[in-house]
Structure formats: structure tokens, C-alpha cells
Amino acid sequence: MSQKPIREPSQKQRRASPYRLELLPVVPAYHRRARRKKELKEGQLVYYGPMPLYYGIGEVKQVVGSYVAVDFRGTGLLGVHEDVLSEEYLIPIPPATLPLL
């Protein structure tokens, strides 16, 4: 019995995000902007700083210490719906930027 090889989906097969994620600046976790203490609150919109296109835009669901539960609703290329990340990987989206996305 022959099996077909497993292959990665191409860029065209991946679902496109409804947001213009390329407008979000990449902010690595070791950058001072990412390491600065942030006051993340439930309901706030954030994105995954190192690779905005991978996770997309998410809503903060819960903050426990330095960890944040975020609901991304599959807005990025990876299709992640919910994840818990350290706050240094999350960048708040300024209200002035929201209409552009």
C-alpha cells in the first residue's frame, strides 16, 4: 500500500488574513520596546511581535502574572485560535493604527 507524502500547504493554499498584517512592525522579544513593562488588560487588541503574519491580531482574554491568554481567532497564517504567551512577545495595537488594518 503506497502512501502519499505529506507536504506543507503552499502560500496560496493558506487562508489570507482579513487584516493588513504587513503594516504591523516586527518587534523581537529581546528589543527594548518588547521588554518594557506593558499594562495589558482584558479586551485589548495585541499582536505577536516577532512575526505578526503568523499569529495575526488577538484579543487579550486573561492576564496571569507575566503570561497572557490571547484569542487570535485564526487571523494569522498559522490559524492559531488561542494561545498563552509571555507578555514580552505581545505588542499592543495603538488605537490610531486600528483603522489602517
PDB file of N, CA and C in Angstrom:
ATOM      1  N   MET A   1       0.841  -1.174   0.000  1.00  0.00           N
ATOM      2  CA  MET A   1       0.000   0.000   0.000  1.00  0.00           C
ATOM      3  C   MET A   1       0.891   1.242   0.000  1.00  0.00           C
ATOM      4  N   SER A   2       0.750   2.094  -0.983  1.00  0.00           N
ATOM      5  CA  SER A   2       1.578   3.294  -1.058  1.00  0.00           C
ATOM      6  C   SER A   2       0.834   4.479  -0.446  1.00  0.00           C
ATOM      7  N   GLN A   3       1.592   5.275   0.262  1.00  0.00           N
ATOM      8  CA  GLN A   3       1.017   6.463   0.886  1.00  0.00           C
ATOM      9  C   GLN A   3       1.566   7.699   0.195  1.00  0.00           C
ATOM     10  N   LYS A   4       0.729   8.692   0.100  1.00  0.00           N
ATOM     11  CA  LYS A   4       1.165   9.948  -0.484  1.00  0.00           C
ATOM     12  C   LYS A   4       2.050  10.669   0.531  1.00  0.00           C
ATOM     13  N   PRO A   5       3.103  11.323   0.072  1.00  0.00           N
ATOM     14  CA  PRO A   5       3.962  12.053   1.010  1.00  0.00           C
ATOM     15  C   PRO A   5       3.218  13.265   1.582  1.00  0.00           C
ATOM     16  N   ILE A   6       3.529  13.544   2.819  1.00  0.00           N
ATOM     17  CA  ILE A   6       2.924  14.705   3.468  1.00  0.00           C
ATOM     18  C   ILE A   6       3.666  15.937   2.979  1.00  0.00           C
ATOM     19  N   ARG A   7       2.922  16.935   2.575  1.00  0.00           N
ATOM     20  CA  ARG A   7       3.571  18.159   2.115  1.00  0.00           C
ATOM     21  C   ARG A   7       2.937  19.360   2.789  1.00  0.00           C
ATOM     22  N   GLU A   8       3.725  20.380   2.916  1.00  0.00           N
ATOM     23  CA  GLU A   8       3.281  21.625   3.529  1.00  0.00           C
ATOM     24  C   GLU A   8       2.362  22.363   2.561  1.00  0.00           C
ATOM     25  N   PRO A   9       1.332  23.046   3.093  1.00  0.00           N
ATOM     26  CA  PRO A   9       0.485  23.841   2.204  1.00  0.00           C
ATOM     27  C   PRO A   9       1.265  25.032   1.660  1.00  0.00           C
ATOM     28  N   SER A  10       1.040  25.358   0.421  1.00  0.00           N
ATOM     29  CA  SER A  10       1.730  26.491  -0.187  1.00  0.00           C
ATOM     30  C   SER A  10       1.103  27.795   0.292  1.00  0.00           C
ATOM     31  N   GLN A  11       1.761  28.894  -0.031  1.00  0.00           N
ATOM     32  CA  GLN A  11       1.251  30.204   0.368  1.00  0.00           C
ATOM     33  C   GLN A  11      -0.151  30.440  -0.181  1.00  0.00           C
ATOM     34  N   LYS A  12      -0.416  29.972  -1.392  1.00  0.00           N
ATOM     35  CA  LYS A  12      -1.734  30.194  -1.999  1.00  0.00           C
ATOM     36  C   LYS A  12      -2.814  29.362  -1.308  1.00  0.00           C
ATOM     37  N   GLN A  13      -2.443  28.195  -0.774  1.00  0.00           N
ATOM     38  CA  GLN A  13      -3.425  27.339  -0.117  1.00  0.00           C
ATOM     39  C   GLN A  13      -3.764  27.833   1.282  1.00  0.00           C
ATOM     40  N   ARG A  14      -2.860  28.586   1.898  1.00  0.00           N
ATOM     41  CA  ARG A  14      -3.131  29.120   3.230  1.00  0.00           C
ATOM     42  C   ARG A  14      -4.188  30.199   3.130  1.00  0.00           C
ATOM     43  N   ARG A  15      -4.971  30.297   4.178  1.00  0.00           N
ATOM     44  CA  ARG A  15      -6.032  31.281   4.198  1.00  0.00           C
ATOM     45  C   ARG A  15      -5.452  32.676   4.417  1.00  0.00           C
ATOM     46  N   ALA A  16      -5.874  33.631   3.655  1.00  0.00           N
ATOM     47  CA  ALA A  16      -5.409  35.002   3.799  1.00  0.00           C
ATOM     48  C   ALA A  16      -6.119  35.661   4.977  1.00  0.00           C
ATOM     49  N   SER A  17      -5.408  36.533   5.658  1.00  0.00           N
ATOM     50  CA  SER A  17      -5.974  37.234   6.801  1.00  0.00           C
ATOM     51  C   SER A  17      -6.827  38.405   6.313  1.00  0.00           C
ATOM     52  N   PRO A  18      -7.915  38.698   7.033  1.00  0.00           N
ATOM     53  CA  PRO A  18      -8.726  39.857   6.657  1.00  0.00           C
ATOM     54  C   PRO A  18      -8.061  41.173   7.041  1.00  0.00           C
ATOM     55  N   TYR A  19      -6.954  41.104   7.789  1.00  0.00           N
ATOM     56  CA  TYR A  19      -6.245  42.304   8.240  1.00  0.00           C
ATOM     57  C   TYR A  19      -4.987  42.531   7.404  1.00  0.00           C
ATOM     58  N   ARG A  20      -4.547  43.760   7.363  1.00  0.00           N
ATOM     59  CA  ARG A  20      -3.308  44.111   6.663  1.00  0.00           C
ATOM     60  C   ARG A  20      -2.155  43.994   7.657  1.00  0.00           C
ATOM     61  N   LEU A  21      -1.784  42.760   7.968  1.00  0.00           N
ATOM     62  CA  LEU A  21      -0.787  42.491   8.991  1.00  0.00           C
ATOM     63  C   LEU A  21       0.608  42.972   8.616  1.00  0.00           C
ATOM     64  N   GLU A  22       0.855  43.183   7.341  1.00  0.00           N
ATOM     65  CA  GLU A  22       2.167  43.658   6.914  1.00  0.00           C
ATOM     66  C   GLU A  22       2.440  45.084   7.393  1.00  0.00           C
ATOM     67  N   LEU A  23       1.403  45.799   7.837  1.00  0.00           N
ATOM     68  CA  LEU A  23       1.572  47.156   8.355  1.00  0.00           C
ATOM     69  C   LEU A  23       2.086  47.169   9.792  1.00  0.00           C
ATOM     70  N   LEU A  24       2.006  46.035  10.485  1.00  0.00           N
ATOM     71  CA  LEU A  24       2.462  45.964  11.873  1.00  0.00           C
ATOM     72  C   LEU A  24       3.970  45.772  11.906  1.00  0.00           C
ATOM     73  N   PRO A  25       4.680  46.592  12.683  1.00  0.00           N
ATOM     74  CA  PRO A  25       6.139  46.454  12.740  1.00  0.00           C
ATOM     75  C   PRO A  25       6.553  45.187  13.481  1.00  0.00           C
ATOM     76  N   VAL A  26       7.619  44.563  13.021  1.00  0.00           N
ATOM     77  CA  VAL A  26       8.180  43.394  13.700  1.00  0.00           C
ATOM     78  C   VAL A  26       8.964  43.892  14.909  1.00  0.00           C
ATOM     79  N   VAL A  27       8.658  43.315  16.092  1.00  0.00           N
ATOM     80  CA  VAL A  27       9.334  43.697  17.327  1.00  0.00           C
ATOM     81  C   VAL A  27       9.820  42.417  18.004  1.00  0.00           C
ATOM     82  N   PRO A  28      11.129  42.093  17.883  1.00  0.00           N
ATOM     83  CA  PRO A  28      11.650  40.879  18.521  1.00  0.00           C
ATOM     84  C   PRO A  28      11.516  40.950  20.041  1.00  0.00           C
ATOM     85  N   ALA A  29      11.434  39.795  20.695  1.00  0.00           N
ATOM     86  CA  ALA A  29      11.230  39.735  22.145  1.00  0.00           C
ATOM     87  C   ALA A  29      12.383  40.357  22.922  1.00  0.00           C
ATOM     88  N   TYR A  30      13.580  40.408  22.349  1.00  0.00           N
ATOM     89  CA  TYR A  30      14.719  40.978  23.063  1.00  0.00           C
ATOM     90  C   TYR A  30      14.845  42.495  22.867  1.00  0.00           C
ATOM     91  N   HIS A  31      14.025  43.084  22.031  1.00  0.00           N
ATOM     92  CA  HIS A  31      14.052  44.522  21.764  1.00  0.00           C
ATOM     93  C   HIS A  31      13.533  45.278  22.989  1.00  0.00           C
ATOM     94  N   ARG A  32      14.045  46.482  23.228  1.00  0.00           N
ATOM     95  CA  ARG A  32      13.629  47.218  24.436  1.00  0.00           C
ATOM     96  C   ARG A  32      12.144  47.566  24.422  1.00  0.00           C
ATOM     97  N   ARG A  33      11.569  47.744  23.239  1.00  0.00           N
ATOM     98  CA  ARG A  33      10.122  48.035  23.163  1.00  0.00           C
ATOM     99  C   ARG A  33       9.304  46.836  23.657  1.00  0.00           C
ATOM    100  N   ALA A  34       9.780  45.623  23.396  1.00  0.00           N
ATOM    101  CA  ALA A  34       9.081  44.419  23.834  1.00  0.00           C
ATOM    102  C   ALA A  34       9.324  44.145  25.310  1.00  0.00           C
ATOM    103  N   ARG A  35      10.500  44.491  25.819  1.00  0.00           N
ATOM    104  CA  ARG A  35      10.851  44.199  27.214  1.00  0.00           C
ATOM    105  C   ARG A  35      10.250  45.201  28.195  1.00  0.00           C
ATOM    106  N   ARG A  36       9.823  46.349  27.689  1.00  0.00           N
ATOM    107  CA  ARG A  36       9.229  47.373  28.543  1.00  0.00           C
ATOM    108  C   ARG A  36       7.950  46.836  29.178  1.00  0.00           C
ATOM    109  N   LYS A  37       7.712  47.160  30.418  1.00  0.00           N
ATOM    110  CA  LYS A  37       6.516  46.708  31.134  1.00  0.00           C
ATOM    111  C   LYS A  37       5.272  47.272  30.454  1.00  0.00           C
ATOM    112  N   LYS A  38       4.346  46.378  30.128  1.00  0.00           N
ATOM    113  CA  LYS A  38       3.104  46.788  29.462  1.00  0.00           C
ATOM    114  C   LYS A  38       1.923  46.533  30.400  1.00  0.00           C
ATOM    115  N   GLU A  39       0.958  47.384  30.356  1.00  0.00           N
ATOM    116  CA  GLU A  39      -0.267  47.196  31.126  1.00  0.00           C
ATOM    117  C   GLU A  39      -1.318  46.588  30.208  1.00  0.00           C
ATOM    118  N   LEU A  40      -1.237  45.286  29.988  1.00  0.00           N
ATOM    119  CA  LEU A  40      -2.215  44.615  29.134  1.00  0.00           C
ATOM    120  C   LEU A  40      -3.471  44.314  29.935  1.00  0.00           C
ATOM    121  N   LYS A  41      -4.621  44.627  29.345  1.00  0.00           N
ATOM    122  CA  LYS A  41      -5.905  44.418  30.014  1.00  0.00           C
ATOM    123  C   LYS A  41      -6.798  43.533  29.155  1.00  0.00           C
ATOM    124  N   GLU A  42      -7.749  42.891  29.798  1.00  0.00           N
ATOM    125  CA  GLU A  42      -8.709  42.061  29.068  1.00  0.00           C
ATOM    126  C   GLU A  42      -9.446  42.917  28.042  1.00  0.00           C
ATOM    127  N   GLY A  43      -9.604  42.358  26.838  1.00  0.00           N
ATOM    128  CA  GLY A  43     -10.297  43.060  25.769  1.00  0.00           C
ATOM    129  C   GLY A  43      -9.386  43.885  24.877  1.00  0.00           C
ATOM    130  N   GLN A  44      -8.138  44.089  25.277  1.00  0.00           N
ATOM    131  CA  GLN A  44      -7.200  44.880  24.498  1.00  0.00           C
ATOM    132  C   GLN A  44      -6.723  44.091  23.284  1.00  0.00           C
ATOM    133  N   LEU A  45      -6.518  44.770  22.162  1.00  0.00           N
ATOM    134  CA  LEU A  45      -6.022  44.121  20.950  1.00  0.00           C
ATOM    135  C   LEU A  45      -4.496  44.166  20.926  1.00  0.00           C
ATOM    136  N   VAL A  46      -3.898  43.005  20.639  1.00  0.00           N
ATOM    137  CA  VAL A  46      -2.451  42.864  20.602  1.00  0.00           C
ATOM    138  C   VAL A  46      -2.051  42.030  19.388  1.00  0.00           C
ATOM    139  N   TYR A  47      -0.754  41.977  19.115  1.00  0.00           N
ATOM    140  CA  TYR A  47      -0.252  41.080  18.073  1.00  0.00           C
ATOM    141  C   TYR A  47       1.058  40.470  18.547  1.00  0.00           C
ATOM    142  N   TYR A  48       1.437  39.356  17.917  1.00  0.00           N
ATOM    143  CA  TYR A  48       2.673  38.652  18.221  1.00  0.00           C
ATOM    144  C   TYR A  48       3.813  39.409  17.563  1.00  0.00           C
ATOM    145  N   GLY A  49       4.622  40.104  18.352  1.00  0.00           N
ATOM    146  CA  GLY A  49       5.648  40.998  17.849  1.00  0.00           C
ATOM    147  C   GLY A  49       6.666  40.415  16.886  1.00  0.00           C
ATOM    148  N   PRO A  50       7.283  39.243  17.211  1.00  0.00           N
ATOM    149  CA  PRO A  50       8.321  38.736  16.307  1.00  0.00           C
ATOM    150  C   PRO A  50       7.837  38.398  14.891  1.00  0.00           C
ATOM    151  N   MET A  51       6.621  37.931  14.741  1.00  0.00           N
ATOM    152  CA  MET A  51       6.097  37.570  13.418  1.00  0.00           C
ATOM    153  C   MET A  51       4.595  37.875  13.356  1.00  0.00           C
ATOM    154  N   PRO A  52       4.207  39.120  13.110  1.00  0.00           N
ATOM    155  CA  PRO A  52       2.783  39.476  13.079  1.00  0.00           C
ATOM    156  C   PRO A  52       1.953  38.637  12.111  1.00  0.00           C
ATOM    157  N   LEU A  53       2.535  38.238  10.977  1.00  0.00           N
ATOM    158  CA  LEU A  53       1.772  37.476   9.985  1.00  0.00           C
ATOM    159  C   LEU A  53       1.418  36.073  10.467  1.00  0.00           C
ATOM    160  N   TYR A  54       2.223  35.489  11.362  1.00  0.00           N
ATOM    161  CA  TYR A  54       1.979  34.116  11.815  1.00  0.00           C
ATOM    162  C   TYR A  54       0.741  33.992  12.697  1.00  0.00           C
ATOM    163  N   TYR A  55       0.630  34.833  13.705  1.00  0.00           N
ATOM    164  CA  TYR A  55      -0.476  34.727  14.659  1.00  0.00           C
ATOM    165  C   TYR A  55      -1.639  35.654  14.320  1.00  0.00           C
ATOM    166  N   GLY A  56      -1.347  36.810  13.761  1.00  0.00           N
ATOM    167  CA  GLY A  56      -2.396  37.774  13.461  1.00  0.00           C
ATOM    168  C   GLY A  56      -2.675  38.685  14.648  1.00  0.00           C
ATOM    169  N   ILE A  57      -3.873  39.216  14.684  1.00  0.00           N
ATOM    170  CA  ILE A  57      -4.295  40.130  15.737  1.00  0.00           C
ATOM    171  C   ILE A  57      -5.167  39.359  16.718  1.00  0.00           C
ATOM    172  N   GLY A  58      -4.938  39.588  18.009  1.00  0.00           N
ATOM    173  CA  GLY A  58      -5.698  38.866  19.014  1.00  0.00           C
ATOM    174  C   GLY A  58      -6.227  39.769  20.112  1.00  0.00           C
ATOM    175  N   GLU A  59      -7.195  39.236  20.848  1.00  0.00           N
ATOM    176  CA  GLU A  59      -7.796  39.945  21.972  1.00  0.00           C
ATOM    177  C   GLU A  59      -7.327  39.302  23.266  1.00  0.00           C
ATOM    178  N   VAL A  60      -6.866  40.116  24.203  1.00  0.00           N
ATOM    179  CA  VAL A  60      -6.419  39.612  25.498  1.00  0.00           C
ATOM    180  C   VAL A  60      -7.632  39.072  26.256  1.00  0.00           C
ATOM    181  N   LYS A  61      -7.537  37.805  26.656  1.00  0.00           N
ATOM    182  CA  LYS A  61      -8.628  37.164  27.410  1.00  0.00           C
ATOM    183  C   LYS A  61      -8.349  37.141  28.897  1.00  0.00           C
ATOM    184  N   GLN A  62      -7.076  36.926  29.290  1.00  0.00           N
ATOM    185  CA  GLN A  62      -6.743  36.849  30.706  1.00  0.00           C
ATOM    186  C   GLN A  62      -5.254  37.119  30.880  1.00  0.00           C
ATOM    187  N   VAL A  63      -4.914  37.815  31.969  1.00  0.00           N
ATOM    188  CA  VAL A  63      -3.524  38.085  32.300  1.00  0.00           C
ATOM    189  C   VAL A  63      -3.247  37.443  33.657  1.00  0.00           C
ATOM    190  N   VAL A  64      -2.235  36.552  33.690  1.00  0.00           N
ATOM    191  CA  VAL A  64      -1.840  35.891  34.928  1.00  0.00           C
ATOM    192  C   VAL A  64      -0.342  36.064  35.081  1.00  0.00           C
ATOM    193  N   GLY A  65       0.061  36.974  35.959  1.00  0.00           N
ATOM    194  CA  GLY A  65       1.485  37.265  36.121  1.00  0.00           C
ATOM    195  C   GLY A  65       2.054  37.832  34.840  1.00  0.00           C
ATOM    196  N   SER A  66       3.102  37.194  34.322  1.00  0.00           N
ATOM    197  CA  SER A  66       3.714  37.670  33.068  1.00  0.00           C
ATOM    198  C   SER A  66       3.209  36.896  31.851  1.00  0.00           C
ATOM    199  N   TYR A  67       2.193  36.060  32.055  1.00  0.00           N
ATOM    200  CA  TYR A  67       1.618  35.293  30.944  1.00  0.00           C
ATOM    201  C   TYR A  67       0.249  35.837  30.565  1.00  0.00           C
ATOM    202  N   VAL A  68      -0.017  35.807  29.268  1.00  0.00           N
ATOM    203  CA  VAL A  68      -1.251  36.393  28.747  1.00  0.00           C
ATOM    204  C   VAL A  68      -1.940  35.377  27.835  1.00  0.00           C
ATOM    205  N   ALA A  69      -3.224  35.124  28.105  1.00  0.00           N
ATOM    206  CA  ALA A  69      -4.039  34.275  27.231  1.00  0.00           C
ATOM    207  C   ALA A  69      -4.662  35.172  26.166  1.00  0.00           C
ATOM    208  N   VAL A  70      -4.440  34.811  24.906  1.00  0.00           N
ATOM    209  CA  VAL A  70      -4.897  35.643  23.789  1.00  0.00           C
ATOM    210  C   VAL A  70      -5.743  34.806  22.833  1.00  0.00           C
ATOM    211  N   ASP A  71      -6.850  35.390  22.383  1.00  0.00           N
ATOM    212  CA  ASP A  71      -7.725  34.757  21.391  1.00  0.00           C
ATOM    213  C   ASP A  71      -7.430  35.397  20.041  1.00  0.00           C
ATOM    214  N   PHE A  72      -6.702  34.665  19.193  1.00  0.00           N
ATOM    215  CA  PHE A  72      -6.322  35.177  17.873  1.00  0.00           C
ATOM    216  C   PHE A  72      -7.390  34.915  16.810  1.00  0.00           C
ATOM    217  N   ARG A  73      -8.330  34.015  17.081  1.00  0.00           N
ATOM    218  CA  ARG A  73      -9.433  33.690  16.164  1.00  0.00           C
ATOM    219  C   ARG A  73      -8.970  33.321  14.757  1.00  0.00           C
ATOM    220  N   GLY A  74      -7.776  32.724  14.666  1.00  0.00           N
ATOM    221  CA  GLY A  74      -7.295  32.262  13.363  1.00  0.00           C
ATOM    222  C   GLY A  74      -7.011  33.362  12.369  1.00  0.00           C
ATOM    223  N   THR A  75      -6.641  34.569  12.833  1.00  0.00           N
ATOM    224  CA  THR A  75      -6.425  35.690  11.916  1.00  0.00           C
ATOM    225  C   THR A  75      -5.069  35.677  11.229  1.00  0.00           C
ATOM    226  N   GLY A  76      -4.148  34.822  11.664  1.00  0.00           N
ATOM    227  CA  GLY A  76      -2.820  34.760  11.056  1.00  0.00           C
ATOM    228  C   GLY A  76      -2.660  33.570  10.121  1.00  0.00           C
ATOM    229  N   LEU A  77      -1.484  33.442   9.525  1.00  0.00           N
ATOM    230  CA  LEU A  77      -1.211  32.360   8.585  1.00  0.00           C
ATOM    231  C   LEU A  77      -1.211  30.985   9.242  1.00  0.00           C
ATOM    232  N   LEU A  78      -0.853  30.907  10.528  1.00  0.00           N
ATOM    233  CA  LEU A  78      -0.808  29.621  11.213  1.00  0.00           C
ATOM    234  C   LEU A  78      -2.180  29.136  11.672  1.00  0.00           C
ATOM    235  N   GLY A  79      -3.178  29.996  11.650  1.00  0.00           N
ATOM    236  CA  GLY A  79      -4.525  29.599  12.042  1.00  0.00           C
ATOM    237  C   GLY A  79      -4.686  29.352  13.534  1.00  0.00           C
ATOM    238  N   VAL A  80      -3.847  29.978  14.363  1.00  0.00           N
ATOM    239  CA  VAL A  80      -3.931  29.814  15.818  1.00  0.00           C
ATOM    240  C   VAL A  80      -5.178  30.516  16.327  1.00  0.00           C
ATOM    241  N   HIS A  81      -5.958  29.809  17.152  1.00  0.00           N
ATOM    242  CA  HIS A  81      -7.158  30.416  17.712  1.00  0.00           C
ATOM    243  C   HIS A  81      -6.908  30.975  19.103  1.00  0.00           C
ATOM    244  N   GLU A  82      -6.302  30.207  19.976  1.00  0.00           N
ATOM    245  CA  GLU A  82      -5.991  30.681  21.320  1.00  0.00           C
ATOM    246  C   GLU A  82      -4.604  30.200  21.708  1.00  0.00           C
ATOM    247  N   ASP A  83      -3.897  31.044  22.467  1.00  0.00           N
ATOM    248  CA  ASP A  83      -2.572  30.665  22.928  1.00  0.00           C
ATOM    249  C   ASP A  83      -2.247  31.471  24.180  1.00  0.00           C
ATOM    250  N   VAL A  84      -1.310  30.949  24.973  1.00  0.00           N
ATOM    251  CA  VAL A  84      -0.805  31.645  26.156  1.00  0.00           C
ATOM    252  C   VAL A  84       0.645  31.987  25.872  1.00  0.00           C
ATOM    253  N   LEU A  85       0.962  33.282  25.935  1.00  0.00           N
ATOM    254  CA  LEU A  85       2.297  33.760  25.609  1.00  0.00           C
ATOM    255  C   LEU A  85       2.823  34.646  26.729  1.00  0.00           C
ATOM    256  N   SER A  86       4.136  34.716  26.829  1.00  0.00           N
ATOM    257  CA  SER A  86       4.760  35.662  27.741  1.00  0.00           C
ATOM    258  C   SER A  86       4.507  37.065  27.201  1.00  0.00           C
ATOM    259  N   GLU A  87       4.307  38.022  28.101  1.00  0.00           N
ATOM    260  CA  GLU A  87       3.944  39.374  27.650  1.00  0.00           C
ATOM    261  C   GLU A  87       5.018  40.035  26.802  1.00  0.00           C
ATOM    262  N   GLU A  88       6.269  39.584  26.877  1.00  0.00           N
ATOM    263  CA  GLU A  88       7.316  40.201  26.056  1.00  0.00           C
ATOM    264  C   GLU A  88       7.151  39.902  24.570  1.00  0.00           C
ATOM    265  N   TYR A  89       6.319  38.914  24.222  1.00  0.00           N
ATOM    266  CA  TYR A  89       6.082  38.588  22.815  1.00  0.00           C
ATOM    267  C   TYR A  89       4.885  39.346  22.243  1.00  0.00           C
ATOM    268  N   LEU A  90       4.141  40.030  23.090  1.00  0.00           N
ATOM    269  CA  LEU A  90       2.919  40.710  22.651  1.00  0.00           C
ATOM    270  C   LEU A  90       3.115  42.214  22.607  1.00  0.00           C
ATOM    271  N   ILE A  91       2.615  42.818  21.554  1.00  0.00           N
ATOM    272  CA  ILE A  91       2.706  44.261  21.368  1.00  0.00           C
ATOM    273  C   ILE A  91       1.287  44.804  21.248  1.00  0.00           C
ATOM    274  N   PRO A  92       0.920  45.781  22.103  1.00  0.00           N
ATOM    275  CA  PRO A  92      -0.409  46.386  21.981  1.00  0.00           C
ATOM    276  C   PRO A  92      -0.558  47.155  20.675  1.00  0.00           C
ATOM    277  N   ILE A  93      -1.741  47.139  20.117  1.00  0.00           N
ATOM    278  CA  ILE A  93      -2.003  47.882  18.888  1.00  0.00           C
ATOM    279  C   ILE A  93      -2.543  49.249  19.271  1.00  0.00           C
ATOM    280  N   PRO A  94      -1.848  50.321  18.852  1.00  0.00           N
ATOM    281  CA  PRO A  94      -2.330  51.673  19.178  1.00  0.00           C
ATOM    282  C   PRO A  94      -3.681  51.940  18.506  1.00  0.00           C
ATOM    283  N   PRO A  95      -4.584  52.645  19.191  1.00  0.00           N
ATOM    284  CA  PRO A  95      -5.897  52.942  18.605  1.00  0.00           C
ATOM    285  C   PRO A  95      -5.812  53.667  17.258  1.00  0.00           C
ATOM    286  N   ALA A  96      -4.764  54.472  17.064  1.00  0.00           N
ATOM    287  CA  ALA A  96      -4.626  55.199  15.793  1.00  0.00           C
ATOM    288  C   ALA A  96      -4.309  54.263  14.628  1.00  0.00           C
ATOM    289  N   THR A  97      -3.733  53.095  14.914  1.00  0.00           N
ATOM    290  CA  THR A  97      -3.356  52.144  13.871  1.00  0.00           C
ATOM    291  C   THR A  97      -4.523  51.254  13.445  1.00  0.00           C
ATOM    292  N   LEU A  98      -5.487  51.065  14.316  1.00  0.00           N
ATOM    293  CA  LEU A  98      -6.603  50.146  14.035  1.00  0.00           C
ATOM    294  C   LEU A  98      -7.342  50.440  12.732  1.00  0.00           C
ATOM    295  N   PRO A  99      -7.686  51.689  12.424  1.00  0.00           N
ATOM    296  CA  PRO A  99      -8.406  51.931  11.154  1.00  0.00           C
ATOM    297  C   PRO A  99      -7.603  51.550   9.905  1.00  0.00           C
ATOM    298  N   LEU A 100      -6.274  51.560   9.999  1.00  0.00           N
ATOM    299  CA  LEU A 100      -5.421  51.226   8.848  1.00  0.00           C
ATOM    300  C   LEU A 100      -5.399  49.734   8.566  1.00  0.00           C
ATOM    301  N   LEU A 101      -5.650  48.925   9.604  1.00  0.00           N
ATOM    302  CA  LEU A 101      -5.568  47.475   9.438  1.00  0.00           C
ATOM    303  C   LEU A 101      -6.828  46.965   8.779  1.00  0.00           C
TER     304      LEU A 101
END
